[in-house]
Amino acid sequence: MPPALASLTDDRYEGNIFVLYGGNGSLVPAKTSLAASLTQKKPALLVFYLDDSRDCKQFAIVVSQLQAFYGRAASFVPVNVDTLRPDINYPPTEPGYYYKGLVPQTVLIDQAGKVAFDAAGKVSFEQVDDVLRKVFDLLPRSESVELKRRSVNEFSTELRQ
């Protein structure tokens, strides 16, 4: 049996990119739909991707970082573009409505259902963070404390009497 080779720098399929490269199996399948997010008046971040795209593999890390900070306040809806049918005219409540034929593509829809951000290619954490800060009416990064990850799975081994 040949060894399993996964790489961020090629266009081979190795499995789901969010699990393999983003370290975040909670993104796929999406916890909610775009339609449900719009009904709840909750911002939604659509991420159009392919599992066999080097750019998408590298961008999966950024999406996971964004979810760490905004995952409770916004809906994250990753969409594998292989599941979209080109012969269908999708309504605005479906992700296919916003897809422009490129991957990765990131679309942020605000609480009012308006597109606040739409970019193709690997965008930086800071670009999306700036828009999310506007959507949530948060201070700009220059006036705010630096976002830092909280440690997880921490426990104390100290015994007390």
N, C-alpha and C. Protein backbone atom coordinates (compact mmCIF):
# COMPACT_ATOMS: atom_id res chain seq x y z
N MET A 1 0.85 -1.17 0.00
CA MET A 1 0.00 0.00 0.00
C MET A 1 0.90 1.24 0.00
N PRO A 2 0.67 2.19 -0.91
CA PRO A 2 1.49 3.40 -0.95
C PRO A 2 1.22 4.29 0.26
N PRO A 3 2.21 5.07 0.69
CA PRO A 3 1.99 5.96 1.83
C PRO A 3 1.01 7.07 1.47
N ALA A 4 0.31 7.56 2.46
CA ALA A 4 -0.62 8.67 2.26
C ALA A 4 0.19 9.95 2.20
N LEU A 5 0.06 10.67 1.12
CA LEU A 5 0.79 11.92 0.95
C LEU A 5 -0.21 13.06 0.81
N ALA A 6 -0.22 13.93 1.78
CA ALA A 6 -1.07 15.11 1.72
C ALA A 6 -0.17 16.33 1.62
N SER A 7 -0.54 17.27 0.79
CA SER A 7 0.31 18.43 0.60
C SER A 7 -0.52 19.68 0.34
N LEU A 8 -0.10 20.77 0.95
CA LEU A 8 -0.74 22.07 0.73
C LEU A 8 -0.39 22.67 -0.62
N THR A 9 0.59 22.10 -1.30
CA THR A 9 1.12 22.74 -2.50
C THR A 9 0.78 22.02 -3.79
N ASP A 10 -0.25 21.18 -3.78
CA ASP A 10 -0.64 20.52 -5.02
C ASP A 10 -2.15 20.51 -5.16
N ASP A 11 -2.61 20.05 -6.31
CA ASP A 11 -4.05 20.01 -6.59
C ASP A 11 -4.59 18.58 -6.53
N ARG A 12 -4.03 17.77 -5.65
CA ARG A 12 -4.52 16.40 -5.48
C ARG A 12 -5.60 16.36 -4.42
N TYR A 13 -6.47 15.37 -4.58
CA TYR A 13 -7.52 15.15 -3.58
C TYR A 13 -6.97 14.23 -2.50
N GLU A 14 -7.05 14.66 -1.25
CA GLU A 14 -6.65 13.81 -0.12
C GLU A 14 -7.78 13.62 0.88
N GLY A 15 -8.85 14.35 0.72
CA GLY A 15 -9.96 14.31 1.67
C GLY A 15 -10.46 15.73 1.89
N ASN A 16 -11.32 15.90 2.88
CA ASN A 16 -11.88 17.21 3.14
C ASN A 16 -10.81 18.17 3.65
N ILE A 17 -10.69 19.32 3.00
CA ILE A 17 -9.62 20.27 3.32
C ILE A 17 -9.75 20.88 4.71
N PHE A 18 -10.97 21.03 5.22
CA PHE A 18 -11.13 21.65 6.53
C PHE A 18 -10.67 20.70 7.63
N VAL A 19 -10.85 19.43 7.43
CA VAL A 19 -10.38 18.44 8.40
C VAL A 19 -8.87 18.29 8.30
N LEU A 20 -8.36 18.14 7.08
CA LEU A 20 -6.93 17.87 6.88
C LEU A 20 -6.04 19.08 7.11
N TYR A 21 -6.41 20.22 6.58
CA TYR A 21 -5.52 21.37 6.59
C TYR A 21 -5.94 22.47 7.55
N GLY A 22 -7.24 22.63 7.75
CA GLY A 22 -7.72 23.64 8.66
C GLY A 22 -7.78 23.13 10.09
N GLY A 23 -7.67 21.80 10.25
CA GLY A 23 -7.76 21.22 11.57
C GLY A 23 -9.12 21.43 12.20
N ASN A 24 -10.15 21.50 11.36
CA ASN A 24 -11.46 21.88 11.87
C ASN A 24 -12.57 21.07 11.21
N GLY A 25 -12.83 19.91 11.74
CA GLY A 25 -13.89 19.07 11.19
C GLY A 25 -15.28 19.59 11.49
N SER A 26 -15.39 20.63 12.34
CA SER A 26 -16.72 21.15 12.69
C SER A 26 -17.31 22.01 11.59
N LEU A 27 -16.53 22.38 10.58
CA LEU A 27 -17.05 23.22 9.51
C LEU A 27 -17.87 22.44 8.49
N VAL A 28 -17.56 21.16 8.31
CA VAL A 28 -18.24 20.36 7.28
C VAL A 28 -18.81 19.11 7.93
N PRO A 29 -20.06 18.83 7.77
CA PRO A 29 -21.04 19.64 7.06
C PRO A 29 -21.40 20.89 7.86
N ALA A 30 -21.88 21.89 7.17
CA ALA A 30 -22.25 23.15 7.81
C ALA A 30 -23.33 22.90 8.85
N LYS A 31 -23.25 23.60 9.97
CA LYS A 31 -24.23 23.43 11.06
C LYS A 31 -25.59 24.02 10.71
N THR A 32 -25.61 24.98 9.81
CA THR A 32 -26.86 25.63 9.42
C THR A 32 -26.82 25.96 7.94
N SER A 33 -27.95 26.27 7.40
CA SER A 33 -28.03 26.64 5.99
C SER A 33 -28.04 28.16 5.87
N LEU A 34 -27.79 28.64 4.67
CA LEU A 34 -27.87 30.07 4.42
C LEU A 34 -29.29 30.56 4.67
N ALA A 35 -30.28 29.82 4.21
CA ALA A 35 -31.68 30.22 4.40
C ALA A 35 -32.02 30.38 5.89
N ALA A 36 -31.57 29.43 6.71
CA ALA A 36 -31.83 29.51 8.15
C ALA A 36 -31.12 30.71 8.77
N SER A 37 -29.90 30.97 8.33
CA SER A 37 -29.14 32.11 8.85
C SER A 37 -29.83 33.42 8.49
N LEU A 38 -30.33 33.53 7.26
CA LEU A 38 -31.04 34.73 6.85
C LEU A 38 -32.33 34.92 7.65
N THR A 39 -33.03 33.82 7.91
CA THR A 39 -34.27 33.88 8.70
C THR A 39 -33.98 34.36 10.12
N GLN A 40 -32.85 33.93 10.67
CA GLN A 40 -32.47 34.32 12.04
C GLN A 40 -31.81 35.70 12.09
N LYS A 41 -31.64 36.33 10.91
CA LYS A 41 -30.96 37.63 10.81
C LYS A 41 -29.56 37.55 11.40
N LYS A 42 -28.87 36.48 11.05
CA LYS A 42 -27.51 36.22 11.51
C LYS A 42 -26.57 36.30 10.31
N PRO A 43 -25.45 37.02 10.43
CA PRO A 43 -24.51 37.08 9.30
C PRO A 43 -24.06 35.67 8.89
N ALA A 44 -23.79 35.50 7.61
CA ALA A 44 -23.35 34.21 7.10
C ALA A 44 -22.09 34.40 6.25
N LEU A 45 -21.10 33.57 6.50
CA LEU A 45 -19.88 33.56 5.71
C LEU A 45 -19.92 32.34 4.81
N LEU A 46 -20.10 32.58 3.51
CA LEU A 46 -20.08 31.49 2.53
C LEU A 46 -18.65 31.33 2.05
N VAL A 47 -18.17 30.08 2.02
CA VAL A 47 -16.84 29.80 1.52
C VAL A 47 -16.98 28.73 0.45
N PHE A 48 -16.76 29.12 -0.80
CA PHE A 48 -16.84 28.20 -1.92
C PHE A 48 -15.47 27.58 -2.12
N TYR A 49 -15.42 26.26 -2.21
CA TYR A 49 -14.14 25.57 -2.26
C TYR A 49 -14.21 24.28 -3.06
N LEU A 50 -13.04 23.74 -3.34
CA LEU A 50 -12.86 22.40 -3.89
C LEU A 50 -11.84 21.68 -3.03
N ASP A 51 -12.04 20.41 -2.79
CA ASP A 51 -11.09 19.65 -1.98
C ASP A 51 -9.77 19.38 -2.68
N ASP A 52 -9.73 19.53 -4.00
CA ASP A 52 -8.50 19.25 -4.73
C ASP A 52 -7.87 20.53 -5.32
N SER A 53 -7.96 21.63 -4.58
CA SER A 53 -7.38 22.90 -5.01
C SER A 53 -6.35 23.36 -3.98
N ARG A 54 -5.12 23.61 -4.43
CA ARG A 54 -4.08 24.06 -3.49
C ARG A 54 -4.45 25.38 -2.84
N ASP A 55 -5.07 26.30 -3.58
CA ASP A 55 -5.48 27.57 -2.98
C ASP A 55 -6.53 27.37 -1.90
N CYS A 56 -7.47 26.46 -2.14
CA CYS A 56 -8.50 26.18 -1.14
C CYS A 56 -7.90 25.50 0.08
N LYS A 57 -6.95 24.61 -0.14
CA LYS A 57 -6.27 23.94 0.99
C LYS A 57 -5.61 24.98 1.88
N GLN A 58 -4.92 25.92 1.28
CA GLN A 58 -4.22 26.94 2.06
C GLN A 58 -5.20 27.90 2.72
N PHE A 59 -6.31 28.19 2.07
CA PHE A 59 -7.30 29.10 2.62
C PHE A 59 -8.11 28.46 3.75
N ALA A 60 -8.17 27.14 3.79
CA ALA A 60 -8.92 26.45 4.85
C ALA A 60 -8.41 26.84 6.23
N ILE A 61 -7.13 27.12 6.34
CA ILE A 61 -6.54 27.53 7.62
C ILE A 61 -7.12 28.87 8.06
N VAL A 62 -7.26 29.82 7.14
CA VAL A 62 -7.81 31.13 7.44
C VAL A 62 -9.27 31.01 7.88
N VAL A 63 -10.03 30.18 7.18
CA VAL A 63 -11.45 30.00 7.52
C VAL A 63 -11.59 29.43 8.93
N SER A 64 -10.74 28.49 9.28
CA SER A 64 -10.77 27.92 10.63
C SER A 64 -10.43 28.97 11.68
N GLN A 65 -9.47 29.83 11.39
CA GLN A 65 -9.12 30.91 12.33
C GLN A 65 -10.29 31.87 12.50
N LEU A 66 -10.96 32.20 11.41
CA LEU A 66 -12.13 33.09 11.49
C LEU A 66 -13.23 32.46 12.33
N GLN A 67 -13.45 31.17 12.14
CA GLN A 67 -14.50 30.50 12.90
C GLN A 67 -14.18 30.48 14.40
N ALA A 68 -12.90 30.41 14.73
CA ALA A 68 -12.52 30.41 16.15
C ALA A 68 -12.99 31.68 16.84
N PHE A 69 -12.97 32.81 16.14
CA PHE A 69 -13.36 34.08 16.74
C PHE A 69 -14.81 34.46 16.51
N TYR A 70 -15.38 34.07 15.38
CA TYR A 70 -16.73 34.53 15.01
C TYR A 70 -17.75 33.39 14.88
N GLY A 71 -17.36 32.18 15.16
CA GLY A 71 -18.21 31.02 14.93
C GLY A 71 -19.52 30.99 15.68
N ARG A 72 -19.61 31.68 16.80
CA ARG A 72 -20.87 31.70 17.54
C ARG A 72 -21.78 32.84 17.09
N ALA A 73 -21.18 33.89 16.56
CA ALA A 73 -21.96 35.07 16.17
C ALA A 73 -22.39 35.05 14.71
N ALA A 74 -21.67 34.30 13.88
CA ALA A 74 -21.97 34.23 12.45
C ALA A 74 -22.09 32.77 12.03
N SER A 75 -22.85 32.54 10.98
CA SER A 75 -22.95 31.19 10.42
C SER A 75 -21.83 31.00 9.41
N PHE A 76 -21.15 29.87 9.48
CA PHE A 76 -20.12 29.53 8.52
C PHE A 76 -20.68 28.44 7.63
N VAL A 77 -20.74 28.72 6.33
CA VAL A 77 -21.36 27.79 5.39
C VAL A 77 -20.36 27.46 4.27
N PRO A 78 -19.51 26.44 4.48
CA PRO A 78 -18.62 26.01 3.40
C PRO A 78 -19.44 25.29 2.32
N VAL A 79 -19.14 25.59 1.06
CA VAL A 79 -19.88 25.00 -0.06
C VAL A 79 -18.89 24.41 -1.05
N ASN A 80 -18.92 23.09 -1.18
CA ASN A 80 -18.10 22.44 -2.19
C ASN A 80 -18.77 22.71 -3.53
N VAL A 81 -18.07 23.39 -4.44
CA VAL A 81 -18.69 23.83 -5.69
C VAL A 81 -19.05 22.65 -6.59
N ASP A 82 -18.49 21.48 -6.34
CA ASP A 82 -18.90 20.30 -7.10
C ASP A 82 -20.36 19.93 -6.84
N THR A 83 -20.94 20.45 -5.76
CA THR A 83 -22.34 20.15 -5.44
C THR A 83 -23.31 21.14 -6.09
N LEU A 84 -22.78 22.21 -6.69
CA LEU A 84 -23.64 23.21 -7.34
C LEU A 84 -23.90 22.83 -8.79
N ARG A 85 -25.13 22.99 -9.21
CA ARG A 85 -25.49 22.67 -10.60
C ARG A 85 -25.52 23.95 -11.41
N PRO A 86 -24.79 23.98 -12.52
CA PRO A 86 -24.75 25.20 -13.34
C PRO A 86 -26.04 25.48 -14.10
N ASP A 87 -26.91 24.49 -14.21
CA ASP A 87 -28.15 24.66 -14.97
C ASP A 87 -29.33 25.15 -14.12
N ILE A 88 -29.07 25.52 -12.88
CA ILE A 88 -30.13 25.97 -11.99
C ILE A 88 -29.96 27.45 -11.68
N ASN A 89 -31.06 28.19 -11.70
CA ASN A 89 -31.05 29.58 -11.24
C ASN A 89 -31.43 29.56 -9.76
N TYR A 90 -30.43 29.76 -8.93
CA TYR A 90 -30.65 29.70 -7.48
C TYR A 90 -31.27 30.98 -6.95
N PRO A 91 -32.13 30.87 -5.93
CA PRO A 91 -32.67 32.07 -5.27
C PRO A 91 -31.63 32.64 -4.30
N PRO A 92 -31.80 33.87 -3.84
CA PRO A 92 -30.84 34.49 -2.91
C PRO A 92 -30.71 33.78 -1.56
N THR A 93 -31.59 32.84 -1.28
CA THR A 93 -31.49 32.08 -0.03
C THR A 93 -30.59 30.85 -0.17
N GLU A 94 -30.06 30.62 -1.37
CA GLU A 94 -29.19 29.47 -1.64
C GLU A 94 -27.79 29.95 -1.98
N PRO A 95 -26.75 29.27 -1.49
CA PRO A 95 -25.38 29.68 -1.78
C PRO A 95 -25.06 29.78 -3.27
N GLY A 96 -25.62 28.92 -4.10
CA GLY A 96 -25.35 28.93 -5.53
C GLY A 96 -25.63 30.27 -6.20
N TYR A 97 -26.52 31.06 -5.62
CA TYR A 97 -26.86 32.38 -6.14
C TYR A 97 -25.64 33.30 -6.15
N TYR A 98 -24.73 33.12 -5.19
CA TYR A 98 -23.60 34.03 -5.01
C TYR A 98 -22.31 33.53 -5.66
N TYR A 99 -22.30 32.31 -6.14
CA TYR A 99 -21.08 31.72 -6.70
C TYR A 99 -20.76 32.31 -8.07
N LYS A 100 -19.49 32.70 -8.28
CA LYS A 100 -19.08 33.34 -9.53
C LYS A 100 -18.12 32.50 -10.35
N GLY A 101 -17.95 31.23 -10.02
CA GLY A 101 -17.14 30.35 -10.85
C GLY A 101 -15.68 30.24 -10.47
N LEU A 102 -15.26 30.81 -9.36
CA LEU A 102 -13.87 30.75 -8.92
C LEU A 102 -13.77 30.17 -7.52
N VAL A 103 -12.65 29.54 -7.24
CA VAL A 103 -12.39 29.04 -5.88
C VAL A 103 -10.98 29.41 -5.46
N PRO A 104 -10.78 29.65 -4.19
CA PRO A 104 -11.83 29.87 -3.20
C PRO A 104 -12.53 31.21 -3.45
N GLN A 105 -13.75 31.27 -3.04
CA GLN A 105 -14.53 32.51 -3.08
C GLN A 105 -15.16 32.68 -1.70
N THR A 106 -15.07 33.87 -1.17
CA THR A 106 -15.60 34.17 0.16
C THR A 106 -16.65 35.25 0.04
N VAL A 107 -17.84 34.98 0.57
CA VAL A 107 -18.95 35.94 0.53
C VAL A 107 -19.49 36.09 1.95
N LEU A 108 -19.53 37.32 2.43
CA LEU A 108 -20.11 37.59 3.74
C LEU A 108 -21.43 38.33 3.53
N ILE A 109 -22.49 37.74 4.06
CA ILE A 109 -23.82 38.34 3.98
C ILE A 109 -24.18 38.83 5.38
N ASP A 110 -24.52 40.11 5.49
CA ASP A 110 -24.77 40.69 6.81
C ASP A 110 -26.16 40.33 7.34
N GLN A 111 -26.49 40.88 8.52
CA GLN A 111 -27.76 40.58 9.18
C GLN A 111 -28.97 40.98 8.35
N ALA A 112 -28.81 41.97 7.49
CA ALA A 112 -29.91 42.45 6.66
C ALA A 112 -30.04 41.67 5.35
N GLY A 113 -29.15 40.71 5.13
CA GLY A 113 -29.19 39.92 3.92
C GLY A 113 -28.46 40.55 2.74
N LYS A 114 -27.66 41.57 3.01
CA LYS A 114 -26.88 42.26 1.96
C LYS A 114 -25.45 41.72 1.92
N VAL A 115 -24.89 41.66 0.73
CA VAL A 115 -23.51 41.21 0.58
C VAL A 115 -22.58 42.31 1.10
N ALA A 116 -21.82 41.98 2.14
CA ALA A 116 -20.89 42.94 2.74
C ALA A 116 -19.47 42.73 2.22
N PHE A 117 -19.19 41.53 1.69
CA PHE A 117 -17.84 41.20 1.20
C PHE A 117 -17.99 40.09 0.18
N ASP A 118 -17.26 40.21 -0.92
CA ASP A 118 -17.25 39.17 -1.95
C ASP A 118 -15.89 39.22 -2.63
N ALA A 119 -15.09 38.18 -2.41
CA ALA A 119 -13.75 38.16 -2.99
C ALA A 119 -13.38 36.75 -3.41
N ALA A 120 -12.68 36.67 -4.52
CA ALA A 120 -12.17 35.39 -5.02
C ALA A 120 -10.69 35.29 -4.70
N GLY A 121 -10.24 34.06 -4.49
CA GLY A 121 -8.83 33.83 -4.19
C GLY A 121 -8.60 33.75 -2.69
N LYS A 122 -7.34 33.56 -2.34
CA LYS A 122 -6.98 33.47 -0.93
C LYS A 122 -6.94 34.86 -0.34
N VAL A 123 -7.91 35.19 0.47
CA VAL A 123 -7.92 36.48 1.15
C VAL A 123 -7.36 36.28 2.56
N SER A 124 -6.83 37.33 3.12
CA SER A 124 -6.21 37.21 4.44
C SER A 124 -7.26 37.24 5.55
N PHE A 125 -6.86 36.74 6.69
CA PHE A 125 -7.69 36.80 7.89
C PHE A 125 -8.08 38.25 8.15
N GLU A 126 -7.12 39.16 8.03
CA GLU A 126 -7.36 40.57 8.33
C GLU A 126 -8.40 41.20 7.42
N GLN A 127 -8.41 40.83 6.14
CA GLN A 127 -9.40 41.40 5.22
C GLN A 127 -10.82 41.03 5.64
N VAL A 128 -11.03 39.77 5.97
CA VAL A 128 -12.36 39.32 6.38
C VAL A 128 -12.68 39.82 7.77
N ASP A 129 -11.69 39.82 8.66
CA ASP A 129 -11.89 40.32 10.02
C ASP A 129 -12.33 41.79 10.00
N ASP A 130 -11.72 42.60 9.14
CA ASP A 130 -12.12 44.02 9.05
C ASP A 130 -13.60 44.16 8.70
N VAL A 131 -14.07 43.36 7.78
CA VAL A 131 -15.48 43.43 7.38
C VAL A 131 -16.38 42.88 8.49
N LEU A 132 -15.98 41.79 9.11
CA LEU A 132 -16.78 41.25 10.22
C LEU A 132 -16.87 42.25 11.37
N ARG A 133 -15.79 42.98 11.62
CA ARG A 133 -15.82 44.01 12.67
C ARG A 133 -16.84 45.10 12.33
N LYS A 134 -16.94 45.47 11.05
CA LYS A 134 -17.94 46.46 10.64
C LYS A 134 -19.35 45.89 10.78
N VAL A 135 -19.54 44.65 10.36
CA VAL A 135 -20.87 44.02 10.43
C VAL A 135 -21.35 43.94 11.88
N PHE A 136 -20.43 43.64 12.80
CA PHE A 136 -20.80 43.51 14.22
C PHE A 136 -20.59 44.80 15.01
N ASP A 137 -20.26 45.88 14.32
CA ASP A 137 -20.05 47.17 14.96
C ASP A 137 -19.01 47.08 16.09
N LEU A 138 -17.88 46.47 15.76
CA LEU A 138 -16.77 46.35 16.71
C LEU A 138 -15.71 47.38 16.38
N LEU A 139 -14.85 47.64 17.33
CA LEU A 139 -13.76 48.58 17.09
C LEU A 139 -12.84 48.07 15.99
N PRO A 140 -12.26 48.97 15.21
CA PRO A 140 -11.26 48.54 14.22
C PRO A 140 -10.06 47.91 14.94
N ARG A 141 -9.34 47.08 14.24
CA ARG A 141 -8.20 46.38 14.82
C ARG A 141 -7.20 47.34 15.45
N SER A 142 -6.99 48.51 14.83
CA SER A 142 -6.02 49.48 15.33
C SER A 142 -6.42 50.06 16.69
N GLU A 143 -7.71 50.00 17.03
CA GLU A 143 -8.20 50.55 18.29
C GLU A 143 -8.62 49.46 19.28
N SER A 144 -8.36 48.23 18.95
CA SER A 144 -8.83 47.11 19.75
C SER A 144 -7.65 46.30 20.26
N VAL A 145 -7.92 45.49 21.25
CA VAL A 145 -6.87 44.57 21.72
C VAL A 145 -6.70 43.48 20.68
N GLU A 146 -5.51 42.93 20.61
CA GLU A 146 -5.22 41.88 19.64
C GLU A 146 -6.04 40.64 19.97
N LEU A 147 -6.64 40.03 18.94
CA LEU A 147 -7.38 38.79 19.14
C LEU A 147 -6.38 37.67 19.39
N LYS A 148 -6.61 36.90 20.42
CA LYS A 148 -5.73 35.78 20.74
C LYS A 148 -6.58 34.55 20.98
N ARG A 149 -6.05 33.43 20.54
CA ARG A 149 -6.76 32.17 20.77
C ARG A 149 -6.71 31.81 22.23
N ARG A 150 -7.80 31.28 22.73
CA ARG A 150 -7.83 30.75 24.08
C ARG A 150 -7.39 29.30 24.03
N SER A 151 -6.69 28.89 25.05
CA SER A 151 -6.28 27.49 25.09
C SER A 151 -7.50 26.64 25.41
N VAL A 152 -7.52 25.46 24.86
CA VAL A 152 -8.63 24.54 25.09
C VAL A 152 -8.09 23.24 25.68
N ASN A 153 -8.98 22.45 26.19
CA ASN A 153 -8.63 21.16 26.78
C ASN A 153 -7.59 21.30 27.89
N GLU A 154 -7.70 22.38 28.65
CA GLU A 154 -6.80 22.59 29.76
C GLU A 154 -7.41 21.96 31.00
N PHE A 155 -6.57 21.31 31.79
CA PHE A 155 -7.07 20.74 33.03
C PHE A 155 -5.98 20.81 34.08
N SER A 156 -6.37 20.75 35.32
CA SER A 156 -5.43 20.82 36.43
C SER A 156 -5.20 19.43 36.97
N THR A 157 -3.93 19.13 37.21
CA THR A 157 -3.59 17.81 37.76
C THR A 157 -3.27 17.90 39.24
N GLU A 158 -3.48 19.08 39.82
CA GLU A 158 -3.16 19.29 41.22
C GLU A 158 -4.21 18.61 42.10
N LEU A 159 -3.74 17.89 43.09
CA LEU A 159 -4.64 17.23 44.04
C LEU A 159 -4.67 18.03 45.32
N ARG A 160 -5.82 18.19 45.90
CA ARG A 160 -5.98 18.93 47.18
C ARG A 160 -6.70 18.06 48.16
N GLN A 161 -6.39 18.31 49.43
CA GLN A 161 -7.08 17.56 50.48
C GLN A 161 -8.29 18.30 50.96
